[in-house]
Amino acid sequence: EWTAAIRDFAARKFGFERDAVAVHVVQCHSAPSMGQIMLSD
């Protein structure tokens, strides 16, 4: 969901194709996450 939000912004604002946007996280375990990764509501 958050990757989609970043891709949508890059496409809307700067004309990137959505498949030309990649979002990598380094998996740092002393940092937050963007989005719900453990359990649902």
PDB file of all heavy atoms in Angstrom:
ATOM      1  N   GLU A   1       0.826  -1.207   0.000  1.00  0.00           N
ATOM      2  CA  GLU A   1       0.000   0.000   0.000  1.00  0.00           C
ATOM      3  C   GLU A   1       0.865   1.265   0.000  1.00  0.00           C
ATOM      4  O   GLU A   1       0.578   2.232  -0.722  1.00  0.00           O
ATOM      5  CB  GLU A   1      -0.929   0.010   1.208  1.00  0.00           C
ATOM      6  CG  GLU A   1      -2.028  -1.036   1.181  1.00  0.00           C
ATOM      7  CD  GLU A   1      -1.551  -2.424   1.599  1.00  0.00           C
ATOM      8  OE1 GLU A   1      -0.393  -2.536   2.074  1.00  0.00           O
ATOM      9  OE2 GLU A   1      -2.326  -3.390   1.432  1.00  0.00           O
ATOM     10  N   TRP A   2       1.930   1.283   0.798  1.00  0.00           N
ATOM     11  CA  TRP A   2       2.786   2.460   0.842  1.00  0.00           C
ATOM     12  C   TRP A   2       3.680   2.552  -0.381  1.00  0.00           C
ATOM     13  O   TRP A   2       3.977   3.651  -0.861  1.00  0.00           O
ATOM     14  CB  TRP A   2       3.607   2.473   2.123  1.00  0.00           C
ATOM     15  CG  TRP A   2       2.794   2.941   3.291  1.00  0.00           C
ATOM     16  CD1 TRP A   2       2.329   2.197   4.333  1.00  0.00           C
ATOM     17  CD2 TRP A   2       2.295   4.265   3.504  1.00  0.00           C
ATOM     18  NE1 TRP A   2       1.570   2.972   5.189  1.00  0.00           N
ATOM     19  CE2 TRP A   2       1.547   4.245   4.716  1.00  0.00           C
ATOM     20  CE3 TRP A   2       2.428   5.471   2.808  1.00  0.00           C
ATOM     21  CZ2 TRP A   2       0.923   5.395   5.210  1.00  0.00           C
ATOM     22  CZ3 TRP A   2       1.807   6.611   3.311  1.00  0.00           C
ATOM     23  CH2 TRP A   2       1.064   6.566   4.498  1.00  0.00           C
ATOM     24  N   THR A   3       4.107   1.413  -0.929  1.00  0.00           N
ATOM     25  CA  THR A   3       4.836   1.448  -2.198  1.00  0.00           C
ATOM     26  C   THR A   3       3.949   2.031  -3.291  1.00  0.00           C
ATOM     27  O   THR A   3       4.396   2.852  -4.102  1.00  0.00           O
ATOM     28  CB  THR A   3       5.310   0.050  -2.585  1.00  0.00           C
ATOM     29  OG1 THR A   3       6.281  -0.404  -1.632  1.00  0.00           O
ATOM     30  CG2 THR A   3       5.948   0.044  -3.967  1.00  0.00           C
ATOM     31  N   ALA A   4       2.674   1.614  -3.308  1.00  0.00           N
ATOM     32  CA  ALA A   4       1.742   2.157  -4.295  1.00  0.00           C
ATOM     33  C   ALA A   4       1.593   3.667  -4.133  1.00  0.00           C
ATOM     34  O   ALA A   4       1.507   4.410  -5.126  1.00  0.00           O
ATOM     35  CB  ALA A   4       0.388   1.470  -4.170  1.00  0.00           C
ATOM     36  N   ALA A   5       1.557   4.138  -2.896  1.00  0.00           N
ATOM     37  CA  ALA A   5       1.429   5.577  -2.658  1.00  0.00           C
ATOM     38  C   ALA A   5       2.648   6.329  -3.196  1.00  0.00           C
ATOM     39  O   ALA A   5       2.519   7.408  -3.800  1.00  0.00           O
ATOM     40  CB  ALA A   5       1.250   5.846  -1.167  1.00  0.00           C
ATOM     41  N   ILE A   6       3.841   5.778  -2.993  1.00  0.00           N
ATOM     42  CA  ILE A   6       5.055   6.410  -3.510  1.00  0.00           C
ATOM     43  C   ILE A   6       5.063   6.381  -5.029  1.00  0.00           C
ATOM     44  O   ILE A   6       5.404   7.377  -5.693  1.00  0.00           O
ATOM     45  CB  ILE A   6       6.294   5.713  -2.927  1.00  0.00           C
ATOM     46  CG1 ILE A   6       6.399   5.984  -1.412  1.00  0.00           C
ATOM     47  CG2 ILE A   6       7.571   6.168  -3.634  1.00  0.00           C
ATOM     48  CD1 ILE A   6       7.455   5.173  -0.702  1.00  0.00           C
ATOM     49  N   ARG A   7       4.681   5.256  -5.609  1.00  0.00           N
ATOM     50  CA  ARG A   7       4.633   5.169  -7.070  1.00  0.00           C
ATOM     51  C   ARG A   7       3.603   6.132  -7.648  1.00  0.00           C
ATOM     52  O   ARG A   7       3.850   6.798  -8.669  1.00  0.00           O
ATOM     53  CB  ARG A   7       4.314   3.728  -7.479  1.00  0.00           C
ATOM     54  CG  ARG A   7       5.475   2.776  -7.307  1.00  0.00           C
ATOM     55  CD  ARG A   7       5.085   1.330  -7.558  1.00  0.00           C
ATOM     56  NE  ARG A   7       6.268   0.483  -7.648  1.00  0.00           N
ATOM     57  CZ  ARG A   7       6.233  -0.845  -7.689  1.00  0.00           C
ATOM     58  NH1 ARG A   7       5.061  -1.482  -7.633  1.00  0.00           N
ATOM     59  NH2 ARG A   7       7.354  -1.535  -7.773  1.00  0.00           N
ATOM     60  N   ASP A   8       2.452   6.225  -7.014  1.00  0.00           N
ATOM     61  CA  ASP A   8       1.415   7.146  -7.501  1.00  0.00           C
ATOM     62  C   ASP A   8       1.911   8.584  -7.468  1.00  0.00           C
ATOM     63  O   ASP A   8       1.680   9.362  -8.408  1.00  0.00           O
ATOM     64  CB  ASP A   8       0.149   7.009  -6.659  1.00  0.00           C
ATOM     65  CG  ASP A   8      -0.587   5.698  -6.901  1.00  0.00           C
ATOM     66  OD1 ASP A   8      -0.274   5.033  -7.909  1.00  0.00           O
ATOM     67  OD2 ASP A   8      -1.447   5.337  -6.076  1.00  0.00           O
ATOM     68  N   PHE A   9       2.575   8.951  -6.373  1.00  0.00           N
ATOM     69  CA  PHE A   9       3.102  10.312  -6.265  1.00  0.00           C
ATOM     70  C   PHE A   9       4.142  10.584  -7.353  1.00  0.00           C
ATOM     71  O   PHE A   9       4.103  11.629  -8.021  1.00  0.00           O
ATOM     72  CB  PHE A   9       3.721  10.537  -4.886  1.00  0.00           C
ATOM     73  CG  PHE A   9       4.466  11.831  -4.770  1.00  0.00           C
ATOM     74  CD1 PHE A   9       3.788  13.018  -4.563  1.00  0.00           C
ATOM     75  CD2 PHE A   9       5.858  11.863  -4.883  1.00  0.00           C
ATOM     76  CE1 PHE A   9       4.474  14.224  -4.478  1.00  0.00           C
ATOM     77  CE2 PHE A   9       6.553  13.065  -4.797  1.00  0.00           C
ATOM     78  CZ  PHE A   9       5.856  14.253  -4.594  1.00  0.00           C
ATOM     79  N   ALA A  10       5.090   9.655  -7.538  1.00  0.00           N
ATOM     80  CA  ALA A  10       6.139   9.851  -8.537  1.00  0.00           C
ATOM     81  C   ALA A  10       5.563   9.924  -9.948  1.00  0.00           C
ATOM     82  O   ALA A  10       6.050  10.695 -10.790  1.00  0.00           O
ATOM     83  CB  ALA A  10       7.168   8.724  -8.439  1.00  0.00           C
ATOM     84  N   ALA A  11       4.517   9.147 -10.209  1.00  0.00           N
ATOM     85  CA  ALA A  11       3.882   9.178 -11.524  1.00  0.00           C
ATOM     86  C   ALA A  11       3.113  10.476 -11.734  1.00  0.00           C
ATOM     87  O   ALA A  11       3.199  11.120 -12.795  1.00  0.00           O
ATOM     88  CB  ALA A  11       2.949   7.981 -11.669  1.00  0.00           C
ATOM     89  N   ARG A  12       2.348  10.860 -10.735  1.00  0.00           N
ATOM     90  CA  ARG A  12       1.492  12.052 -10.845  1.00  0.00           C
ATOM     91  C   ARG A  12       2.314  13.334 -10.911  1.00  0.00           C
ATOM     92  O   ARG A  12       2.047  14.225 -11.717  1.00  0.00           O
ATOM     93  CB  ARG A  12       0.541  12.096  -9.658  1.00  0.00           C
ATOM     94  CG  ARG A  12      -0.432  13.253  -9.658  1.00  0.00           C
ATOM     95  CD  ARG A  12      -1.370  13.182  -8.462  1.00  0.00           C
ATOM     96  NE  ARG A  12      -0.672  13.404  -7.201  1.00  0.00           N
ATOM     97  CZ  ARG A  12      -0.383  12.453  -6.312  1.00  0.00           C
ATOM     98  NH1 ARG A  12      -0.732  11.207  -6.551  1.00  0.00           N
ATOM     99  NH2 ARG A  12       0.247  12.753  -5.188  1.00  0.00           N
ATOM    100  N   LYS A  13       3.344  13.420 -10.083  1.00  0.00           N
ATOM    101  CA  LYS A  13       4.088  14.668  -9.953  1.00  0.00           C
ATOM    102  C   LYS A  13       5.209  14.789 -10.972  1.00  0.00           C
ATOM    103  O   LYS A  13       5.500  15.889 -11.466  1.00  0.00           O
ATOM    104  CB  LYS A  13       4.667  14.750  -8.533  1.00  0.00           C
ATOM    105  CG  LYS A  13       5.319  16.066  -8.178  1.00  0.00           C
ATOM    106  CD  LYS A  13       4.303  17.151  -7.924  1.00  0.00           C
ATOM    107  CE  LYS A  13       4.998  18.414  -7.402  1.00  0.00           C
ATOM    108  NZ  LYS A  13       4.025  19.503  -7.209  1.00  0.00           N
ATOM    109  N   PHE A  14       5.859  13.679 -11.314  1.00  0.00           N
ATOM    110  CA  PHE A  14       7.064  13.757 -12.135  1.00  0.00           C
ATOM    111  C   PHE A  14       7.019  12.884 -13.391  1.00  0.00           C
ATOM    112  O   PHE A  14       8.005  12.829 -14.129  1.00  0.00           O
ATOM    113  CB  PHE A  14       8.289  13.386 -11.303  1.00  0.00           C
ATOM    114  CG  PHE A  14       8.472  14.271 -10.095  1.00  0.00           C
ATOM    115  CD1 PHE A  14       8.208  13.794  -8.830  1.00  0.00           C
ATOM    116  CD2 PHE A  14       8.878  15.588 -10.245  1.00  0.00           C
ATOM    117  CE1 PHE A  14       8.369  14.603  -7.714  1.00  0.00           C
ATOM    118  CE2 PHE A  14       9.037  16.407  -9.137  1.00  0.00           C
ATOM    119  CZ  PHE A  14       8.776  15.922  -7.864  1.00  0.00           C
ATOM    120  N   GLY A  15       5.922  12.194 -13.620  1.00  0.00           N
ATOM    121  CA  GLY A  15       5.762  11.445 -14.859  1.00  0.00           C
ATOM    122  C   GLY A  15       6.459  10.107 -14.921  1.00  0.00           C
ATOM    123  O   GLY A  15       6.589   9.529 -16.012  1.00  0.00           O
ATOM    124  N   PHE A  16       6.908   9.573 -13.799  1.00  0.00           N
ATOM    125  CA  PHE A  16       7.510   8.236 -13.815  1.00  0.00           C
ATOM    126  C   PHE A  16       6.451   7.183 -14.132  1.00  0.00           C
ATOM    127  O   PHE A  16       5.305   7.272 -13.675  1.00  0.00           O
ATOM    128  CB  PHE A  16       8.124   7.897 -12.451  1.00  0.00           C
ATOM    129  CG  PHE A  16       9.415   8.585 -12.161  1.00  0.00           C
ATOM    130  CD1 PHE A  16       9.438   9.772 -11.442  1.00  0.00           C
ATOM    131  CD2 PHE A  16      10.615   8.049 -12.600  1.00  0.00           C
ATOM    132  CE1 PHE A  16      10.633  10.405 -11.165  1.00  0.00           C
ATOM    133  CE2 PHE A  16      11.821   8.681 -12.326  1.00  0.00           C
ATOM    134  CZ  PHE A  16      11.823   9.868 -11.610  1.00  0.00           C
ATOM    135  N   GLU A  17       6.831   6.176 -14.906  1.00  0.00           N
ATOM    136  CA  GLU A  17       5.989   4.992 -14.997  1.00  0.00           C
ATOM    137  C   GLU A  17       6.028   4.279 -13.652  1.00  0.00           C
ATOM    138  O   GLU A  17       7.072   4.208 -13.003  1.00  0.00           O
ATOM    139  CB  GLU A  17       6.478   4.063 -16.107  1.00  0.00           C
ATOM    140  CG  GLU A  17       6.351   4.641 -17.503  1.00  0.00           C
ATOM    141  CD  GLU A  17       6.759   3.653 -18.573  1.00  0.00           C
ATOM    142  OE1 GLU A  17       6.978   2.468 -18.218  1.00  0.00           O
ATOM    143  OE2 GLU A  17       6.874   4.061 -19.737  1.00  0.00           O
ATOM    144  N   ARG A  18       4.891   3.739 -13.238  1.00  0.00           N
ATOM    145  CA  ARG A  18       4.832   3.132 -11.910  1.00  0.00           C
ATOM    146  C   ARG A  18       5.797   1.954 -11.790  1.00  0.00           C
ATOM    147  O   ARG A  18       6.387   1.737 -10.724  1.00  0.00           O
ATOM    148  CB  ARG A  18       3.400   2.688 -11.592  1.00  0.00           C
ATOM    149  CG  ARG A  18       2.421   3.854 -11.521  1.00  0.00           C
ATOM    150  CD  ARG A  18       1.014   3.412 -11.193  1.00  0.00           C
ATOM    151  NE  ARG A  18       0.864   3.204  -9.752  1.00  0.00           N
ATOM    152  CZ  ARG A  18       0.908   2.057  -9.140  1.00  0.00           C
ATOM    153  NH1 ARG A  18       1.119   0.943  -9.850  1.00  0.00           N
ATOM    154  NH2 ARG A  18       0.757   1.953  -7.826  1.00  0.00           N
ATOM    155  N   ASP A  19       5.976   1.189 -12.870  1.00  0.00           N
ATOM    156  CA  ASP A  19       6.908   0.053 -12.821  1.00  0.00           C
ATOM    157  C   ASP A  19       8.363   0.487 -12.856  1.00  0.00           C
ATOM    158  O   ASP A  19       9.257  -0.355 -12.740  1.00  0.00           O
ATOM    159  CB  ASP A  19       6.635  -0.904 -13.987  1.00  0.00           C
ATOM    160  CG  ASP A  19       5.452  -1.816 -13.714  1.00  0.00           C
ATOM    161  OD1 ASP A  19       4.921  -1.771 -12.588  1.00  0.00           O
ATOM    162  OD2 ASP A  19       5.056  -2.568 -14.627  1.00  0.00           O
ATOM    163  N   ALA A  20       8.598   1.795 -13.026  1.00  0.00           N
ATOM    164  CA  ALA A  20       9.967   2.318 -13.022  1.00  0.00           C
ATOM    165  C   ALA A  20      10.316   2.927 -11.671  1.00  0.00           C
ATOM    166  O   ALA A  20      11.291   3.670 -11.558  1.00  0.00           O
ATOM    167  CB  ALA A  20      10.139   3.350 -14.126  1.00  0.00           C
ATOM    168  N   VAL A  21       9.530   2.602 -10.640  1.00  0.00           N
ATOM    169  CA  VAL A  21       9.784   3.079  -9.287  1.00  0.00           C
ATOM    170  C   VAL A  21       9.967   1.864  -8.385  1.00  0.00           C
ATOM    171  O   VAL A  21       9.091   0.991  -8.319  1.00  0.00           O
ATOM    172  CB  VAL A  21       8.626   3.960  -8.772  1.00  0.00           C
ATOM    173  CG1 VAL A  21       8.896   4.400  -7.336  1.00  0.00           C
ATOM    174  CG2 VAL A  21       8.427   5.164  -9.678  1.00  0.00           C
ATOM    175  N   ALA A  22      11.094   1.794  -7.691  1.00  0.00           N
ATOM    176  CA  ALA A  22      11.392   0.685  -6.777  1.00  0.00           C
ATOM    177  C   ALA A  22      11.686   1.243  -5.389  1.00  0.00           C
ATOM    178  O   ALA A  22      12.423   2.225  -5.260  1.00  0.00           O
ATOM    179  CB  ALA A  22      12.585  -0.117  -7.286  1.00  0.00           C
ATOM    180  N   VAL A  23      11.114   0.604  -4.365  1.00  0.00           N
ATOM    181  CA  VAL A  23      11.282   1.066  -2.996  1.00  0.00           C
ATOM    182  C   VAL A  23      11.917  -0.062  -2.182  1.00  0.00           C
ATOM    183  O   VAL A  23      11.272  -1.074  -1.874  1.00  0.00           O
ATOM    184  CB  VAL A  23       9.941   1.483  -2.362  1.00  0.00           C
ATOM    185  CG1 VAL A  23      10.176   2.094  -0.993  1.00  0.00           C
ATOM    186  CG2 VAL A  23       9.202   2.467  -3.265  1.00  0.00           C
ATOM    187  N   HIS A  24      13.181   0.129  -1.840  1.00  0.00           N
ATOM    188  CA  HIS A  24      13.935  -0.862  -1.060  1.00  0.00           C
ATOM    189  C   HIS A  24      14.053  -0.388   0.383  1.00  0.00           C
ATOM    190  O   HIS A  24      14.270   0.794   0.645  1.00  0.00           O
ATOM    191  CB  HIS A  24      15.332  -1.029  -1.664  1.00  0.00           C
ATOM    192  CG  HIS A  24      16.275  -1.825  -0.821  1.00  0.00           C
ATOM    193  ND1 HIS A  24      16.048  -3.141  -0.463  1.00  0.00           N
ATOM    194  CD2 HIS A  24      17.472  -1.491  -0.231  1.00  0.00           C
ATOM    195  CE1 HIS A  24      17.047  -3.583   0.273  1.00  0.00           C
ATOM    196  NE2 HIS A  24      17.913  -2.602   0.433  1.00  0.00           N
ATOM    197  N   VAL A  25      13.876  -1.302   1.329  1.00  0.00           N
ATOM    198  CA  VAL A  25      14.183  -1.004   2.727  1.00  0.00           C
ATOM    199  C   VAL A  25      15.318  -1.929   3.174  1.00  0.00           C
ATOM    200  O   VAL A  25      15.388  -3.084   2.747  1.00  0.00           O
ATOM    201  CB  VAL A  25      12.959  -1.164   3.652  1.00  0.00           C
ATOM    202  CG1 VAL A  25      11.875  -0.161   3.313  1.00  0.00           C
ATOM    203  CG2 VAL A  25      12.402  -2.568   3.606  1.00  0.00           C
ATOM    204  N   VAL A  26      16.193  -1.405   4.022  1.00  0.00           N
ATOM    205  CA  VAL A  26      17.379  -2.174   4.400  1.00  0.00           C
ATOM    206  C   VAL A  26      17.086  -3.176   5.506  1.00  0.00           C
ATOM    207  O   VAL A  26      17.958  -3.915   5.932  1.00  0.00           O
ATOM    208  CB  VAL A  26      18.540  -1.252   4.825  1.00  0.00           C
ATOM    209  CG1 VAL A  26      18.961  -0.353   3.677  1.00  0.00           C
ATOM    210  CG2 VAL A  26      18.171  -0.436   6.059  1.00  0.00           C
ATOM    211  N   GLN A  27      15.853  -3.215   6.007  1.00  0.00           N
ATOM    212  CA  GLN A  27      15.390  -4.171   7.013  1.00  0.00           C
ATOM    213  C   GLN A  27      16.046  -3.951   8.374  1.00  0.00           C
ATOM    214  O   GLN A  27      16.430  -4.902   9.056  1.00  0.00           O
ATOM    215  CB  GLN A  27      15.605  -5.619   6.544  1.00  0.00           C
ATOM    216  CG  GLN A  27      14.701  -6.606   7.260  1.00  0.00           C
ATOM    217  CD  GLN A  27      15.081  -8.045   7.002  1.00  0.00           C
ATOM    218  OE1 GLN A  27      15.995  -8.339   6.241  1.00  0.00           O
ATOM    219  NE2 GLN A  27      14.382  -8.962   7.638  1.00  0.00           N
ATOM    220  N   CYS A  28      16.144  -2.703   8.766  1.00  0.00           N
ATOM    221  CA  CYS A  28      16.745  -2.361  10.049  1.00  0.00           C
ATOM    222  C   CYS A  28      15.766  -2.664  11.182  1.00  0.00           C
ATOM    223  O   CYS A  28      14.665  -2.130  11.216  1.00  0.00           O
ATOM    224  CB  CYS A  28      17.121  -0.891  10.050  1.00  0.00           C
ATOM    225  SG  CYS A  28      17.793  -0.333  11.590  1.00  0.00           S
ATOM    226  N   HIS A  29      16.171  -3.511  12.135  1.00  0.00           N
ATOM    227  CA  HIS A  29      15.293  -3.940  13.228  1.00  0.00           C
ATOM    228  C   HIS A  29      15.283  -2.970  14.409  1.00  0.00           C
ATOM    229  O   HIS A  29      14.737  -3.300  15.462  1.00  0.00           O
ATOM    230  CB  HIS A  29      15.701  -5.337  13.708  1.00  0.00           C
ATOM    231  CG  HIS A  29      15.207  -6.441  12.819  1.00  0.00           C
ATOM    232  ND1 HIS A  29      15.594  -6.544  11.511  1.00  0.00           N
ATOM    233  CD2 HIS A  29      14.359  -7.469  13.048  1.00  0.00           C
ATOM    234  CE1 HIS A  29      15.020  -7.615  10.976  1.00  0.00           C
ATOM    235  NE2 HIS A  29      14.262  -8.180  11.877  1.00  0.00           N
ATOM    236  N   SER A  30      15.858  -1.807  14.235  1.00  0.00           N
ATOM    237  CA  SER A  30      15.737  -0.743  15.232  1.00  0.00           C
ATOM    238  C   SER A  30      15.132   0.489  14.573  1.00  0.00           C
ATOM    239  O   SER A  30      15.579   1.615  14.790  1.00  0.00           O
ATOM    240  CB  SER A  30      17.103  -0.423  15.849  1.00  0.00           C
ATOM    241  OG  SER A  30      17.543  -1.498  16.650  1.00  0.00           O
ATOM    242  N   ALA A  31      14.104   0.251  13.787  1.00  0.00           N
ATOM    243  CA  ALA A  31      13.429   1.309  13.038  1.00  0.00           C
ATOM    244  C   ALA A  31      11.965   0.917  12.850  1.00  0.00           C
ATOM    245  O   ALA A  31      11.597  -0.246  13.008  1.00  0.00           O
ATOM    246  CB  ALA A  31      14.107   1.504  11.679  1.00  0.00           C
ATOM    247  N   PRO A  32      11.116   1.879  12.512  1.00  0.00           N
ATOM    248  CA  PRO A  32       9.711   1.554  12.239  1.00  0.00           C
ATOM    249  C   PRO A  32       9.529   0.889  10.879  1.00  0.00           C
ATOM    250  O   PRO A  32      10.484   0.719  10.110  1.00  0.00           O
ATOM    251  CB  PRO A  32       9.017   2.931  12.266  1.00  0.00           C
ATOM    252  CG  PRO A  32      10.030   3.888  12.803  1.00  0.00           C
ATOM    253  CD  PRO A  32      11.377   3.313  12.495  1.00  0.00           C
ATOM    254  N   SER A  33       8.286   0.545  10.604  1.00  0.00           N
ATOM    255  CA  SER A  33       7.864   0.066   9.283  1.00  0.00           C
ATOM    256  C   SER A  33       6.848   1.042   8.696  1.00  0.00           C
ATOM    257  O   SER A  33       6.136   1.719   9.432  1.00  0.00           O
ATOM    258  CB  SER A  33       7.214  -1.313   9.374  1.00  0.00           C
ATOM    259  OG  SER A  33       8.132  -2.285   9.812  1.00  0.00           O
ATOM    260  N   MET A  34       6.780   1.074   7.387  1.00  0.00           N
ATOM    261  CA  MET A  34       5.700   1.791   6.717  1.00  0.00           C
ATOM    262  C   MET A  34       4.639   0.751   6.356  1.00  0.00           C
ATOM    263  O   MET A  34       4.768   0.029   5.372  1.00  0.00           O
ATOM    264  CB  MET A  34       6.200   2.525   5.473  1.00  0.00           C
ATOM    265  CG  MET A  34       7.073   3.724   5.779  1.00  0.00           C
ATOM    266  SD  MET A  34       7.588   4.637   4.305  1.00  0.00           S
ATOM    267  CE  MET A  34       6.023   5.406   3.802  1.00  0.00           C
ATOM    268  N   GLY A  35       3.601   0.664   7.174  1.00  0.00           N
ATOM    269  CA  GLY A  35       2.533  -0.293   6.935  1.00  0.00           C
ATOM    270  C   GLY A  35       2.521  -1.413   7.948  1.00  0.00           C
ATOM    271  O   GLY A  35       3.488  -1.658   8.670  1.00  0.00           O
ATOM    272  N   GLN A  36       1.410  -2.102   7.965  1.00  0.00           N
ATOM    273  CA  GLN A  36       1.095  -3.125   8.958  1.00  0.00           C
ATOM    274  C   GLN A  36       1.631  -4.475   8.491  1.00  0.00           C
ATOM    275  O   GLN A  36       1.125  -5.048   7.531  1.00  0.00           O
ATOM    276  CB  GLN A  36      -0.430  -3.172   9.097  1.00  0.00           C
ATOM    277  CG  GLN A  36      -0.943  -3.766  10.364  1.00  0.00           C
ATOM    278  CD  GLN A  36      -2.414  -3.406  10.556  1.00  0.00           C
ATOM    279  OE1 GLN A  36      -2.806  -2.266  10.385  1.00  0.00           O
ATOM    280  NE2 GLN A  36      -3.214  -4.387  10.909  1.00  0.00           N
ATOM    281  N   ILE A  37       2.651  -5.016   9.176  1.00  0.00           N
ATOM    282  CA  ILE A  37       3.325  -6.213   8.661  1.00  0.00           C
ATOM    283  C   ILE A  37       3.127  -7.449   9.522  1.00  0.00           C
ATOM    284  O   ILE A  37       3.489  -8.550   9.104  1.00  0.00           O
ATOM    285  CB  ILE A  37       4.834  -5.963   8.485  1.00  0.00           C
ATOM    286  CG1 ILE A  37       5.491  -5.714   9.845  1.00  0.00           C
ATOM    287  CG2 ILE A  37       5.101  -4.829   7.524  1.00  0.00           C
ATOM    288  CD1 ILE A  37       6.989  -5.778   9.816  1.00  0.00           C
ATOM    289  N   MET A  38       2.577  -7.310  10.731  1.00  0.00           N
ATOM    290  CA  MET A  38       2.477  -8.459  11.627  1.00  0.00           C
ATOM    291  C   MET A  38       1.078  -9.070  11.613  1.00  0.00           C
ATOM    292  O   MET A  38       0.868 -10.143  11.055  1.00  0.00           O
ATOM    293  CB  MET A  38       2.866  -8.048  13.050  1.00  0.00           C
ATOM    294  CG  MET A  38       4.339  -7.738  13.218  1.00  0.00           C
ATOM    295  SD  MET A  38       5.378  -9.205  13.063  1.00  0.00           S
ATOM    296  CE  MET A  38       6.983  -8.526  13.483  1.00  0.00           C
ATOM    297  N   LEU A  39       0.121  -8.387  12.241  1.00  0.00           N
ATOM    298  CA  LEU A  39      -1.228  -8.934  12.396  1.00  0.00           C
ATOM    299  C   LEU A  39      -2.261  -7.965  11.848  1.00  0.00           C
ATOM    300  O   LEU A  39      -2.040  -6.753  11.809  1.00  0.00           O
ATOM    301  CB  LEU A  39      -1.513  -9.226  13.875  1.00  0.00           C
ATOM    302  CG  LEU A  39      -0.574 -10.211  14.573  1.00  0.00           C
ATOM    303  CD1 LEU A  39      -0.940 -10.335  16.046  1.00  0.00           C
ATOM    304  CD2 LEU A  39      -0.598 -11.578  13.895  1.00  0.00           C
ATOM    305  N   SER A  40      -3.404  -8.507  11.453  1.00  0.00           N
ATOM    306  CA  SER A  40      -4.470  -7.676  10.898  1.00  0.00           C
ATOM    307  C   SER A  40      -5.314  -7.080  12.021  1.00  0.00           C
ATOM    308  O   SER A  40      -5.118  -7.361  13.205  1.00  0.00           O
ATOM    309  CB  SER A  40      -5.352  -8.516   9.975  1.00  0.00           C
ATOM    310  OG  SER A  40      -6.150  -9.406  10.745  1.00  0.00           O
ATOM    311  N   ASP A  41      -6.310  -6.300  11.620  1.00  0.00           N
ATOM    312  CA  ASP A  41      -7.189  -5.644  12.591  1.00  0.00           C
ATOM    313  C   ASP A  41      -8.331  -6.544  13.062  1.00  0.00           C
ATOM    314  O   ASP A  41      -9.187  -6.089  13.821  1.00  0.00           O
ATOM    315  CB  ASP A  41      -7.779  -4.368  11.986  1.00  0.00           C
ATOM    316  CG  ASP A  41      -6.734  -3.291  11.791  1.00  0.00           C
ATOM    317  OD1 ASP A  41      -5.755  -3.282  12.548  1.00  0.00           O
ATOM    318  OD2 ASP A  41      -6.896  -2.460  10.877  1.00  0.00           O
TER     319      ASP A  41
END
